[in-house]
């Protein structure tokens, strides 16, 4: 009986994933003639997606945060098939986003805007909460959370007309937050909740909402040198009392966990693949979880009881929390 149930489960899984695979290969009509807005295109995921869309002949409105990034993207896309409009936009500015909306509305005309990809964001410092000022939480929330909400609200009416799509990037940390990720996780949890809310609400207008929850990836923002520099900066600004409480050994331990964490990064191309599928597929997923660590560690962790989840993170060398006393004992041996 048990073997029969196992065989049935295997057969059902094989049928389900085979059907899903072929369904997900189907594209929407005129997929490569659509116009899309992508925020945060200076580098990383947004930059890669803008180029991918251009290669397929789409019309791309690419917002950048630096003129250098805008010029470089324009130059790199010059020989591609699509039509690129690269411009500067600050997602924290109502005025900037409104000007962009007016420009895009005037440019696309009756064809309309197919989708927005809320990709722009910052990571901040991955250090202990006790080393973080409230201002760091505020800064990430303004860019990573309110920036997404602001852009979505400004372009909502255009998407209602086209019955379009919204693609938001959150993180595996938005479903299961380990130590040292405080401000970033808080901001991404906010985007996750916002996305779930509007997915249910905007369905009445024919707008679909899709969430990308990547694991830890190798991007210009996620390099070990940046991580170590942020830790040093955070440590340097601490008062002597805090440094004395934690100890130099705890600081060294924090550096070591950072080196381990950045060593797990996956290729950012998998996020671009997820974005592009969400834009062009006839049957896009509600959630995409690119990255081996997302699939095998973070997402499964989110479904564990709290006690097991805490134990599971303590087993991970990048997220284990040691006491200053334990650190002193460990590092004094060297």
C-alpha atoms as a PDB file:
ATOM      1  CA  UNK A   1       0.000   0.000   0.000  1.00  0.00           C
ATOM      2  CA  UNK A   2       2.815   2.395   0.910  1.00  0.00           C
ATOM      3  CA  UNK A   3       4.672   1.573  -2.307  1.00  0.00           C
ATOM      4  CA  UNK A   4       1.499   2.207  -4.285  1.00  0.00           C
ATOM      5  CA  UNK A   5       1.133   5.645  -2.697  1.00  0.00           C
ATOM      6  CA  UNK A   6       4.765   6.435  -3.457  1.00  0.00           C
ATOM      7  CA  UNK A   7       4.351   5.416  -7.099  1.00  0.00           C
ATOM      8  CA  UNK A   8       1.155   7.477  -7.347  1.00  0.00           C
ATOM      9  CA  UNK A   9       2.904  10.526  -5.889  1.00  0.00           C
ATOM     10  CA  UNK A  10       5.812  10.162  -8.313  1.00  0.00           C
ATOM     11  CA  UNK A  11       3.457   9.747 -11.277  1.00  0.00           C
ATOM     12  CA  UNK A  12       1.346  12.743 -10.228  1.00  0.00           C
ATOM     13  CA  UNK A  13       4.463  14.899  -9.796  1.00  0.00           C
ATOM     14  CA  UNK A  14       5.803  13.849 -13.194  1.00  0.00           C
ATOM     15  CA  UNK A  15       2.512  14.687 -14.906  1.00  0.00           C
ATOM     16  CA  UNK A  16       2.159  18.010 -13.057  1.00  0.00           C
ATOM     17  CA  UNK A  17       5.662  19.277 -13.848  1.00  0.00           C
ATOM     18  CA  UNK A  18       5.519  18.075 -17.451  1.00  0.00           C
ATOM     19  CA  UNK A  19       2.245  19.914 -18.063  1.00  0.00           C
ATOM     20  CA  UNK A  20       3.553  23.009 -16.269  1.00  0.00           C
ATOM     21  CA  UNK A  21       6.758  22.981 -18.302  1.00  0.00           C
ATOM     22  CA  UNK A  22       4.963  23.001 -21.650  1.00  0.00           C
ATOM     23  CA  UNK A  23       2.364  25.548 -20.490  1.00  0.00           C
ATOM     24  CA  UNK A  24       5.137  27.903 -19.429  1.00  0.00           C
ATOM     25  CA  UNK A  25       6.727  27.754 -22.895  1.00  0.00           C
ATOM     26  CA  UNK A  26       3.715  29.519 -24.402  1.00  0.00           C
ATOM     27  CA  UNK A  27       4.058  33.261 -25.058  1.00  0.00           C
ATOM     28  CA  UNK A  28       1.398  35.963 -25.070  1.00  0.00           C
ATOM     29  CA  UNK A  29       0.353  37.303 -28.470  1.00  0.00           C
ATOM     30  CA  UNK A  30       2.785  39.947 -29.695  1.00  0.00           C
ATOM     31  CA  UNK A  31       5.061  39.365 -26.708  1.00  0.00           C
ATOM     32  CA  UNK A  32       8.061  41.005 -28.346  1.00  0.00           C
ATOM     33  CA  UNK A  33       6.144  44.081 -29.487  1.00  0.00           C
ATOM     34  CA  UNK A  34       5.240  45.166 -25.976  1.00  0.00           C
ATOM     35  CA  UNK A  35       6.418  48.255 -24.091  1.00  0.00           C
ATOM     36  CA  UNK A  36       7.762  47.821 -20.563  1.00  0.00           C
ATOM     37  CA  UNK A  37       9.113  50.063 -17.802  1.00  0.00           C
ATOM     38  CA  UNK A  38      12.096  48.730 -15.837  1.00  0.00           C
ATOM     39  CA  UNK A  39      13.497  50.621 -12.848  1.00  0.00           C
ATOM     40  CA  UNK A  40      17.098  50.412 -11.668  1.00  0.00           C
ATOM     41  CA  UNK A  41      18.851  49.693 -14.975  1.00  0.00           C
ATOM     42  CA  UNK A  42      22.342  51.022 -14.208  1.00  0.00           C
ATOM     43  CA  UNK A  43      23.603  47.516 -13.438  1.00  0.00           C
ATOM     44  CA  UNK A  44      22.559  44.102 -12.160  1.00  0.00           C
ATOM     45  CA  UNK A  45      19.157  42.551 -12.829  1.00  0.00           C
ATOM     46  CA  UNK A  46      17.551  45.648 -14.339  1.00  0.00           C
ATOM     47  CA  UNK A  47      20.418  46.216 -16.731  1.00  0.00           C
ATOM     48  CA  UNK A  48      20.348  42.581 -17.819  1.00  0.00           C
ATOM     49  CA  UNK A  49      16.585  42.616 -18.328  1.00  0.00           C
ATOM     50  CA  UNK A  50      16.671  45.828 -20.369  1.00  0.00           C
ATOM     51  CA  UNK A  51      19.198  44.229 -22.722  1.00  0.00           C
ATOM     52  CA  UNK A  52      17.225  40.979 -22.916  1.00  0.00           C
ATOM     53  CA  UNK A  53      14.058  42.858 -23.877  1.00  0.00           C
ATOM     54  CA  UNK A  54      15.958  44.951 -26.413  1.00  0.00           C
ATOM     55  CA  UNK A  55      17.440  41.836 -28.025  1.00  0.00           C
ATOM     56  CA  UNK A  56      13.885  40.611 -28.645  1.00  0.00           C
ATOM     57  CA  UNK A  57      12.719  43.875 -30.189  1.00  0.00           C
ATOM     58  CA  UNK A  58      10.645  45.243 -27.314  1.00  0.00           C
ATOM     59  CA  UNK A  59      10.196  48.898 -26.389  1.00  0.00           C
ATOM     60  CA  UNK A  60      12.056  49.493 -23.136  1.00  0.00           C
ATOM     61  CA  UNK A  61      11.715  52.434 -20.782  1.00  0.00           C
ATOM     62  CA  UNK A  62      14.781  52.043 -18.580  1.00  0.00           C
ATOM     63  CA  UNK A  63      15.161  54.235 -15.520  1.00  0.00           C
ATOM     64  CA  UNK A  64      18.673  54.776 -14.177  1.00  0.00           C
ATOM     65  CA  UNK A  65      20.024  56.547 -11.120  1.00  0.00           C
ATOM     66  CA  UNK A  66      23.239  57.862 -12.688  1.00  0.00           C
ATOM     67  CA  UNK A  67      23.952  59.570 -15.989  1.00  0.00           C
ATOM     68  CA  UNK A  68      26.958  57.301 -16.422  1.00  0.00           C
ATOM     69  CA  UNK A  69      24.718  54.241 -16.160  1.00  0.00           C
ATOM     70  CA  UNK A  70      22.222  55.728 -18.595  1.00  0.00           C
ATOM     71  CA  UNK A  71      24.883  56.517 -21.196  1.00  0.00           C
ATOM     72  CA  UNK A  72      26.523  53.101 -20.896  1.00  0.00           C
ATOM     73  CA  UNK A  73      23.211  51.248 -21.292  1.00  0.00           C
ATOM     74  CA  UNK A  74      22.330  53.389 -24.311  1.00  0.00           C
ATOM     75  CA  UNK A  75      25.663  52.614 -25.942  1.00  0.00           C
ATOM     76  CA  UNK A  76      25.437  48.873 -25.247  1.00  0.00           C
ATOM     77  CA  UNK A  77      21.922  48.668 -26.716  1.00  0.00           C
ATOM     78  CA  UNK A  78      22.645  50.795 -29.775  1.00  0.00           C
ATOM     79  CA  UNK A  79      22.795  47.871 -32.230  1.00  0.00           C
ATOM     80  CA  UNK A  80      19.909  45.885 -30.739  1.00  0.00           C
ATOM     81  CA  UNK A  81      16.492  45.391 -32.308  1.00  0.00           C
ATOM     82  CA  UNK A  82      14.292  47.115 -29.750  1.00  0.00           C
ATOM     83  CA  UNK A  83      13.585  50.738 -28.975  1.00  0.00           C
ATOM     84  CA  UNK A  84      15.291  52.055 -25.846  1.00  0.00           C
ATOM     85  CA  UNK A  85      14.331  55.097 -23.809  1.00  0.00           C
ATOM     86  CA  UNK A  86      16.919  55.418 -21.031  1.00  0.00           C
ATOM     87  CA  UNK A  87      16.458  58.247 -18.540  1.00  0.00           C
ATOM     88  CA  UNK A  88      17.174  59.312 -14.983  1.00  0.00           C
ATOM     89  CA  UNK A  89      14.493  58.707 -12.346  1.00  0.00           C
ATOM     90  CA  UNK A  90      14.582  58.738  -8.568  1.00  0.00           C
ATOM     91  CA  UNK A  91      11.936  56.328  -7.248  1.00  0.00           C
ATOM     92  CA  UNK A  92      11.800  58.309  -3.991  1.00  0.00           C
ATOM     93  CA  UNK A  93      10.672  61.465  -5.832  1.00  0.00           C
ATOM     94  CA  UNK A  94       6.991  61.992  -6.638  1.00  0.00           C
ATOM     95  CA  UNK A  95       7.973  64.648  -9.167  1.00  0.00           C
ATOM     96  CA  UNK A  96      10.436  62.390 -10.990  1.00  0.00           C
ATOM     97  CA  UNK A  97       8.022  59.474 -11.205  1.00  0.00           C
ATOM     98  CA  UNK A  98       5.168  61.711 -12.398  1.00  0.00           C
ATOM     99  CA  UNK A  99       7.344  63.222 -15.142  1.00  0.00           C
ATOM    100  CA  UNK A 100       8.263  59.711 -16.246  1.00  0.00           C
ATOM    101  CA  UNK A 101       4.622  58.665 -16.323  1.00  0.00           C
ATOM    102  CA  UNK A 102       3.708  61.632 -18.524  1.00  0.00           C
ATOM    103  CA  UNK A 103       6.616  60.922 -20.867  1.00  0.00           C
ATOM    104  CA  UNK A 104       5.759  57.233 -21.233  1.00  0.00           C
ATOM    105  CA  UNK A 105       2.052  57.906 -21.703  1.00  0.00           C
ATOM    106  CA  UNK A 106       2.815  60.411 -24.474  1.00  0.00           C
ATOM    107  CA  UNK A 107       5.300  58.030 -26.104  1.00  0.00           C
ATOM    108  CA  UNK A 108       3.403  54.723 -26.161  1.00  0.00           C
ATOM    109  CA  UNK A 109       0.094  56.205 -27.285  1.00  0.00           C
ATOM    110  CA  UNK A 110      -2.785  53.777 -27.919  1.00  0.00           C
ATOM    111  CA  UNK A 111      -0.450  50.752 -27.802  1.00  0.00           C
ATOM    112  CA  UNK A 112      -0.199  51.259 -24.051  1.00  0.00           C
ATOM    113  CA  UNK A 113       2.244  50.029 -21.433  1.00  0.00           C
ATOM    114  CA  UNK A 114       2.342  46.258 -20.982  1.00  0.00           C
ATOM    115  CA  UNK A 115       4.197  46.018 -17.669  1.00  0.00           C
ATOM    116  CA  UNK A 116       6.309  47.641 -14.997  1.00  0.00           C
ATOM    117  CA  UNK A 117       9.241  45.875 -13.362  1.00  0.00           C
ATOM    118  CA  UNK A 118       9.967  47.340  -9.933  1.00  0.00           C
ATOM    119  CA  UNK A 119      13.622  46.359  -9.802  1.00  0.00           C
ATOM    120  CA  UNK A 120      15.304  49.459  -8.320  1.00  0.00           C
ATOM    121  CA  UNK A 121      16.629  48.956  -4.818  1.00  0.00           C
ATOM    122  CA  UNK A 122      19.544  49.158  -2.423  1.00  0.00           C
ATOM    123  CA  UNK A 123      20.901  46.555  -0.012  1.00  0.00           C
ATOM    124  CA  UNK A 124      22.374  48.663   2.757  1.00  0.00           C
ATOM    125  CA  UNK A 125      24.638  47.114   5.368  1.00  0.00           C
ATOM    126  CA  UNK A 126      24.344  43.447   6.312  1.00  0.00           C
ATOM    127  CA  UNK A 127      25.375  43.786   9.959  1.00  0.00           C
ATOM    128  CA  UNK A 128      23.870  43.295  13.414  1.00  0.00           C
ATOM    129  CA  UNK A 129      20.825  45.325  14.387  1.00  0.00           C
ATOM    130  CA  UNK A 130      22.692  46.794  17.366  1.00  0.00           C
ATOM    131  CA  UNK A 131      25.149  48.336  14.915  1.00  0.00           C
ATOM    132  CA  UNK A 132      22.407  49.886  12.752  1.00  0.00           C
ATOM    133  CA  UNK A 133      20.894  53.350  13.267  1.00  0.00           C
ATOM    134  CA  UNK A 134      17.188  53.862  12.589  1.00  0.00           C
ATOM    135  CA  UNK A 135      18.166  56.010   9.618  1.00  0.00           C
ATOM    136  CA  UNK A 136      19.376  52.906   7.770  1.00  0.00           C
ATOM    137  CA  UNK A 137      15.962  51.296   8.145  1.00  0.00           C
ATOM    138  CA  UNK A 138      14.320  54.494   6.936  1.00  0.00           C
ATOM    139  CA  UNK A 139      16.585  54.784   3.886  1.00  0.00           C
ATOM    140  CA  UNK A 140      15.967  51.235   2.693  1.00  0.00           C
ATOM    141  CA  UNK A 141      12.246  51.489   3.345  1.00  0.00           C
ATOM    142  CA  UNK A 142      12.057  54.705   1.304  1.00  0.00           C
ATOM    143  CA  UNK A 143      13.814  53.188  -1.714  1.00  0.00           C
ATOM    144  CA  UNK A 144      12.997  49.483  -1.624  1.00  0.00           C
ATOM    145  CA  UNK A 145       9.424  49.643  -0.316  1.00  0.00           C
ATOM    146  CA  UNK A 146       7.905  53.080  -0.856  1.00  0.00           C
ATOM    147  CA  UNK A 147       9.693  53.345  -4.198  1.00  0.00           C
ATOM    148  CA  UNK A 148       7.840  50.248  -5.409  1.00  0.00           C
ATOM    149  CA  UNK A 149       4.524  51.557  -4.086  1.00  0.00           C
ATOM    150  CA  UNK A 150       5.080  55.015  -5.596  1.00  0.00           C
ATOM    151  CA  UNK A 151       5.891  53.702  -9.087  1.00  0.00           C
ATOM    152  CA  UNK A 152       3.006  51.217  -8.970  1.00  0.00           C
ATOM    153  CA  UNK A 153       0.483  53.893  -7.990  1.00  0.00           C
ATOM    154  CA  UNK A 154       1.656  56.299 -10.690  1.00  0.00           C
ATOM    155  CA  UNK A 155       1.374  53.704 -13.472  1.00  0.00           C
ATOM    156  CA  UNK A 156      -1.683  51.845 -12.214  1.00  0.00           C
ATOM    157  CA  UNK A 157      -4.152  53.584 -14.536  1.00  0.00           C
ATOM    158  CA  UNK A 158      -2.009  52.861 -17.590  1.00  0.00           C
ATOM    159  CA  UNK A 159      -1.901  49.185 -16.635  1.00  0.00           C
ATOM    160  CA  UNK A 160      -5.661  49.128 -16.088  1.00  0.00           C
ATOM    161  CA  UNK A 161      -6.119  50.220 -19.694  1.00  0.00           C
ATOM    162  CA  UNK A 162      -3.757  47.561 -21.041  1.00  0.00           C
ATOM    163  CA  UNK A 163      -4.722  44.880 -18.498  1.00  0.00           C
ATOM    164  CA  UNK A 164      -1.008  44.633 -17.928  1.00  0.00           C
ATOM    165  CA  UNK A 165       1.430  43.178 -15.441  1.00  0.00           C
ATOM    166  CA  UNK A 166       3.421  44.238 -12.390  1.00  0.00           C
ATOM    167  CA  UNK A 167       6.650  42.399 -11.575  1.00  0.00           C
ATOM    168  CA  UNK A 168       8.160  43.098  -8.148  1.00  0.00           C
ATOM    169  CA  UNK A 169      11.463  41.809  -6.839  1.00  0.00           C
ATOM    170  CA  UNK A 170      11.587  40.936  -3.160  1.00  0.00           C
ATOM    171  CA  UNK A 171      14.033  38.384  -1.738  1.00  0.00           C
ATOM    172  CA  UNK A 172      14.221  35.006  -0.086  1.00  0.00           C
ATOM    173  CA  UNK A 173      14.883  37.118   3.014  1.00  0.00           C
ATOM    174  CA  UNK A 174      11.339  38.477   2.680  1.00  0.00           C
ATOM    175  CA  UNK A 175       9.899  35.114   3.690  1.00  0.00           C
ATOM    176  CA  UNK A 176      12.558  34.045   6.190  1.00  0.00           C
ATOM    177  CA  UNK A 177      14.870  36.652   7.724  1.00  0.00           C
ATOM    178  CA  UNK A 178      18.201  35.495   9.182  1.00  0.00           C
ATOM    179  CA  UNK A 179      20.519  37.492  11.428  1.00  0.00           C
ATOM    180  CA  UNK A 180      22.434  40.513  10.054  1.00  0.00           C
ATOM    181  CA  UNK A 181      19.831  41.259   7.348  1.00  0.00           C
ATOM    182  CA  UNK A 182      17.543  43.551   9.392  1.00  0.00           C
ATOM    183  CA  UNK A 183      16.872  46.720   7.310  1.00  0.00           C
ATOM    184  CA  UNK A 184      16.926  44.862   3.984  1.00  0.00           C
ATOM    185  CA  UNK A 185      14.580  42.124   5.198  1.00  0.00           C
ATOM    186  CA  UNK A 186      12.166  44.652   6.719  1.00  0.00           C
ATOM    187  CA  UNK A 187      11.988  46.580   3.437  1.00  0.00           C
ATOM    188  CA  UNK A 188      11.519  43.446   1.331  1.00  0.00           C
ATOM    189  CA  UNK A 189       8.882  42.031   3.678  1.00  0.00           C
ATOM    190  CA  UNK A 190       6.978  45.236   2.968  1.00  0.00           C
ATOM    191  CA  UNK A 191       7.168  44.687  -0.794  1.00  0.00           C
ATOM    192  CA  UNK A 192       6.060  41.084  -0.336  1.00  0.00           C
ATOM    193  CA  UNK A 193       2.978  42.149   1.625  1.00  0.00           C
ATOM    194  CA  UNK A 194       2.187  44.966  -0.812  1.00  0.00           C
ATOM    195  CA  UNK A 195       2.470  42.564  -3.755  1.00  0.00           C
ATOM    196  CA  UNK A 196       0.135  40.016  -2.169  1.00  0.00           C
ATOM    197  CA  UNK A 197      -2.387  42.746  -1.404  1.00  0.00           C
ATOM    198  CA  UNK A 198      -2.479  44.315  -4.857  1.00  0.00           C
ATOM    199  CA  UNK A 199      -2.462  40.930  -6.601  1.00  0.00           C
ATOM    200  CA  UNK A 200      -5.846  40.237  -5.033  1.00  0.00           C
ATOM    201  CA  UNK A 201      -7.161  43.773  -5.470  1.00  0.00           C
ATOM    202  CA  UNK A 202      -5.936  44.565  -8.992  1.00  0.00           C
ATOM    203  CA  UNK A 203      -7.256  41.298 -10.411  1.00  0.00           C
ATOM    204  CA  UNK A 204     -10.614  43.031 -10.875  1.00  0.00           C
ATOM    205  CA  UNK A 205      -8.888  45.316 -13.417  1.00  0.00           C
ATOM    206  CA  UNK A 206      -7.199  42.457 -15.248  1.00  0.00           C
ATOM    207  CA  UNK A 207      -3.777  43.378 -13.839  1.00  0.00           C
ATOM    208  CA  UNK A 208      -1.609  40.454 -12.748  1.00  0.00           C
ATOM    209  CA  UNK A 209       1.129  40.759 -10.114  1.00  0.00           C
ATOM    210  CA  UNK A 210       4.242  38.584 -10.025  1.00  0.00           C
ATOM    211  CA  UNK A 211       6.895  38.316  -7.321  1.00  0.00           C
ATOM    212  CA  UNK A 212      10.542  37.322  -7.794  1.00  0.00           C
ATOM    213  CA  UNK A 213      12.176  36.047  -4.579  1.00  0.00           C
ATOM    214  CA  UNK A 214      15.844  35.412  -5.428  1.00  0.00           C
ATOM    215  CA  UNK A 215      18.401  33.917  -3.114  1.00  0.00           C
ATOM    216  CA  UNK A 216      21.855  35.421  -2.631  1.00  0.00           C
ATOM    217  CA  UNK A 217      23.239  36.386  -6.042  1.00  0.00           C
ATOM    218  CA  UNK A 218      26.468  37.720  -7.510  1.00  0.00           C
ATOM    219  CA  UNK A 219      25.710  41.299  -8.530  1.00  0.00           C
ATOM    220  CA  UNK A 220      27.776  44.522  -8.444  1.00  0.00           C
ATOM    221  CA  UNK A 221      25.952  45.230  -5.179  1.00  0.00           C
ATOM    222  CA  UNK A 222      26.743  41.790  -3.714  1.00  0.00           C
ATOM    223  CA  UNK A 223      30.523  41.463  -3.732  1.00  0.00           C
ATOM    224  CA  UNK A 224      32.562  40.496  -0.696  1.00  0.00           C
ATOM    225  CA  UNK A 225      34.650  43.687  -0.811  1.00  0.00           C
ATOM    226  CA  UNK A 226      31.511  45.801  -0.402  1.00  0.00           C
ATOM    227  CA  UNK A 227      30.293  43.588   2.425  1.00  0.00           C
ATOM    228  CA  UNK A 228      33.575  43.816   4.332  1.00  0.00           C
ATOM    229  CA  UNK A 229      33.770  47.561   3.752  1.00  0.00           C
ATOM    230  CA  UNK A 230      30.256  48.001   5.157  1.00  0.00           C
ATOM    231  CA  UNK A 231      31.145  45.955   8.240  1.00  0.00           C
ATOM    232  CA  UNK A 232      34.260  48.033   8.852  1.00  0.00           C
ATOM    233  CA  UNK A 233      32.261  51.247   8.478  1.00  0.00           C
ATOM    234  CA  UNK A 234      29.576  49.990  10.861  1.00  0.00           C
ATOM    235  CA  UNK A 235      32.180  48.914  13.420  1.00  0.00           C
ATOM    236  CA  UNK A 236      34.102  52.187  13.194  1.00  0.00           C
ATOM    237  CA  UNK A 237      31.055  54.285  14.025  1.00  0.00           C
ATOM    238  CA  UNK A 238      30.239  52.328  17.184  1.00  0.00           C
ATOM    239  CA  UNK A 239      30.951  53.985  20.546  1.00  0.00           C
ATOM    240  CA  UNK A 240      33.712  52.477  22.649  1.00  0.00           C
ATOM    241  CA  UNK A 241      31.158  50.965  25.027  1.00  0.00           C
ATOM    242  CA  UNK A 242      29.609  48.882  22.228  1.00  0.00           C
ATOM    243  CA  UNK A 243      33.015  47.794  20.932  1.00  0.00           C
ATOM    244  CA  UNK A 244      33.988  46.746  24.425  1.00  0.00           C
ATOM    245  CA  UNK A 245      30.754  44.748  24.906  1.00  0.00           C
ATOM    246  CA  UNK A 246      31.152  42.836  21.641  1.00  0.00           C
ATOM    247  CA  UNK A 247      34.920  42.628  21.459  1.00  0.00           C
ATOM    248  CA  UNK A 248      37.357  42.575  18.550  1.00  0.00           C
ATOM    249  CA  UNK A 249      36.877  38.810  18.175  1.00  0.00           C
ATOM    250  CA  UNK A 250      33.160  39.293  17.471  1.00  0.00           C
ATOM    251  CA  UNK A 251      34.067  41.800  14.759  1.00  0.00           C
ATOM    252  CA  UNK A 252      36.400  39.228  13.158  1.00  0.00           C
ATOM    253  CA  UNK A 253      33.655  36.611  13.372  1.00  0.00           C
ATOM    254  CA  UNK A 254      31.271  39.004  11.589  1.00  0.00           C
ATOM    255  CA  UNK A 255      33.820  39.421   8.805  1.00  0.00           C
ATOM    256  CA  UNK A 256      34.125  35.644   8.446  1.00  0.00           C
ATOM    257  CA  UNK A 257      30.360  35.089   8.184  1.00  0.00           C
ATOM    258  CA  UNK A 258      30.249  37.758   5.486  1.00  0.00           C
ATOM    259  CA  UNK A 259      32.956  36.031   3.441  1.00  0.00           C
ATOM    260  CA  UNK A 260      31.005  32.778   3.658  1.00  0.00           C
ATOM    261  CA  UNK A 261      27.701  34.423   2.703  1.00  0.00           C
ATOM    262  CA  UNK A 262      29.083  36.111  -0.386  1.00  0.00           C
ATOM    263  CA  UNK A 263      30.658  32.831  -1.469  1.00  0.00           C
ATOM    264  CA  UNK A 264      27.199  31.291  -1.964  1.00  0.00           C
ATOM    265  CA  UNK A 265      26.099  33.713  -4.705  1.00  0.00           C
ATOM    266  CA  UNK A 266      24.419  32.371  -7.861  1.00  0.00           C
ATOM    267  CA  UNK A 267      24.545  33.793 -11.392  1.00  0.00           C
ATOM    268  CA  UNK A 268      22.201  36.840 -11.641  1.00  0.00           C
ATOM    269  CA  UNK A 269      21.125  35.657 -15.111  1.00  0.00           C
ATOM    270  CA  UNK A 270      18.546  33.415 -13.444  1.00  0.00           C
ATOM    271  CA  UNK A 271      16.731  36.485 -12.108  1.00  0.00           C
ATOM    272  CA  UNK A 272      16.700  38.052 -15.576  1.00  0.00           C
ATOM    273  CA  UNK A 273      15.214  34.782 -16.879  1.00  0.00           C
ATOM    274  CA  UNK A 274      12.470  34.969 -14.249  1.00  0.00           C
ATOM    275  CA  UNK A 275      11.716  38.625 -15.037  1.00  0.00           C
ATOM    276  CA  UNK A 276      11.527  37.966 -18.771  1.00  0.00           C
ATOM    277  CA  UNK A 277       9.241  34.980 -18.325  1.00  0.00           C
ATOM    278  CA  UNK A 278       6.914  37.015 -16.106  1.00  0.00           C
ATOM    279  CA  UNK A 279       6.714  39.658 -18.843  1.00  0.00           C
ATOM    280  CA  UNK A 280       6.218  37.445 -21.889  1.00  0.00           C
ATOM    281  CA  UNK A 281       4.702  34.109 -20.831  1.00  0.00           C
ATOM    282  CA  UNK A 282       1.072  33.304 -21.452  1.00  0.00           C
ATOM    283  CA  UNK A 283       1.008  31.484 -18.107  1.00  0.00           C
ATOM    284  CA  UNK A 284       3.461  33.323 -15.820  1.00  0.00           C
ATOM    285  CA  UNK A 285       4.022  32.186 -12.263  1.00  0.00           C
ATOM    286  CA  UNK A 286       2.777  34.124  -9.282  1.00  0.00           C
ATOM    287  CA  UNK A 287       6.130  33.576  -7.571  1.00  0.00           C
ATOM    288  CA  UNK A 288       9.586  32.907  -8.969  1.00  0.00           C
ATOM    289  CA  UNK A 289      12.337  31.635  -6.658  1.00  0.00           C
ATOM    290  CA  UNK A 290      15.616  31.719  -8.581  1.00  0.00           C
ATOM    291  CA  UNK A 291      18.726  30.341  -6.922  1.00  0.00           C
ATOM    292  CA  UNK A 292      19.686  27.001  -5.401  1.00  0.00           C
ATOM    293  CA  UNK A 293      19.880  28.522  -1.923  1.00  0.00           C
ATOM    294  CA  UNK A 294      16.378  29.974  -2.329  1.00  0.00           C
ATOM    295  CA  UNK A 295      14.913  26.611  -3.313  1.00  0.00           C
ATOM    296  CA  UNK A 296      16.836  24.396  -0.896  1.00  0.00           C
ATOM    297  CA  UNK A 297      17.400  26.603   2.149  1.00  0.00           C
ATOM    298  CA  UNK A 298      15.454  29.855   2.558  1.00  0.00           C
ATOM    299  CA  UNK A 299      12.036  28.908   1.183  1.00  0.00           C
ATOM    300  CA  UNK A 300      11.903  25.510   2.960  1.00  0.00           C
ATOM    301  CA  UNK A 301      13.056  27.244   6.170  1.00  0.00           C
ATOM    302  CA  UNK A 302      10.040  29.532   6.025  1.00  0.00           C
ATOM    303  CA  UNK A 303       7.740  26.519   6.424  1.00  0.00           C
ATOM    304  CA  UNK A 304       9.476  25.087   9.480  1.00  0.00           C
ATOM    305  CA  UNK A 305       8.204  25.583  13.036  1.00  0.00           C
ATOM    306  CA  UNK A 306      10.007  28.513  14.649  1.00  0.00           C
ATOM    307  CA  UNK A 307      12.103  26.306  16.923  1.00  0.00           C
ATOM    308  CA  UNK A 308      13.374  24.224  14.001  1.00  0.00           C
ATOM    309  CA  UNK A 309      13.854  27.307  11.860  1.00  0.00           C
ATOM    310  CA  UNK A 310      16.091  28.932  14.480  1.00  0.00           C
ATOM    311  CA  UNK A 311      18.059  25.693  14.848  1.00  0.00           C
ATOM    312  CA  UNK A 312      18.388  25.396  11.062  1.00  0.00           C
ATOM    313  CA  UNK A 313      19.859  28.896  10.783  1.00  0.00           C
ATOM    314  CA  UNK A 314      22.265  28.173  13.629  1.00  0.00           C
ATOM    315  CA  UNK A 315      23.583  25.280  11.532  1.00  0.00           C
ATOM    316  CA  UNK A 316      24.312  27.607   8.589  1.00  0.00           C
ATOM    317  CA  UNK A 317      27.889  28.951   8.842  1.00  0.00           C
ATOM    318  CA  UNK A 318      26.895  32.311   7.343  1.00  0.00           C
ATOM    319  CA  UNK A 319      23.993  32.963   9.720  1.00  0.00           C
ATOM    320  CA  UNK A 320      24.948  31.292  12.980  1.00  0.00           C
ATOM    321  CA  UNK A 321      24.822  33.723  15.914  1.00  0.00           C
ATOM    322  CA  UNK A 322      27.685  33.281  18.354  1.00  0.00           C
ATOM    323  CA  UNK A 323      28.047  35.079  21.664  1.00  0.00           C
ATOM    324  CA  UNK A 324      30.981  37.449  22.230  1.00  0.00           C
ATOM    325  CA  UNK A 325      32.292  34.936  24.761  1.00  0.00           C
ATOM    326  CA  UNK A 326      32.208  32.118  22.176  1.00  0.00           C
ATOM    327  CA  UNK A 327      33.964  34.346  19.654  1.00  0.00           C
ATOM    328  CA  UNK A 328      36.668  35.250  22.134  1.00  0.00           C
ATOM    329  CA  UNK A 329      37.320  31.582  22.811  1.00  0.00           C
ATOM    330  CA  UNK A 330      37.328  30.667  19.110  1.00  0.00           C
ATOM    331  CA  UNK A 331      39.597  33.455  17.859  1.00  0.00           C
ATOM    332  CA  UNK A 332      41.993  33.503  20.776  1.00  0.00           C
ATOM    333  CA  UNK A 333      43.087  30.029  19.645  1.00  0.00           C
ATOM    334  CA  UNK A 334      44.750  31.499  16.546  1.00  0.00           C
END
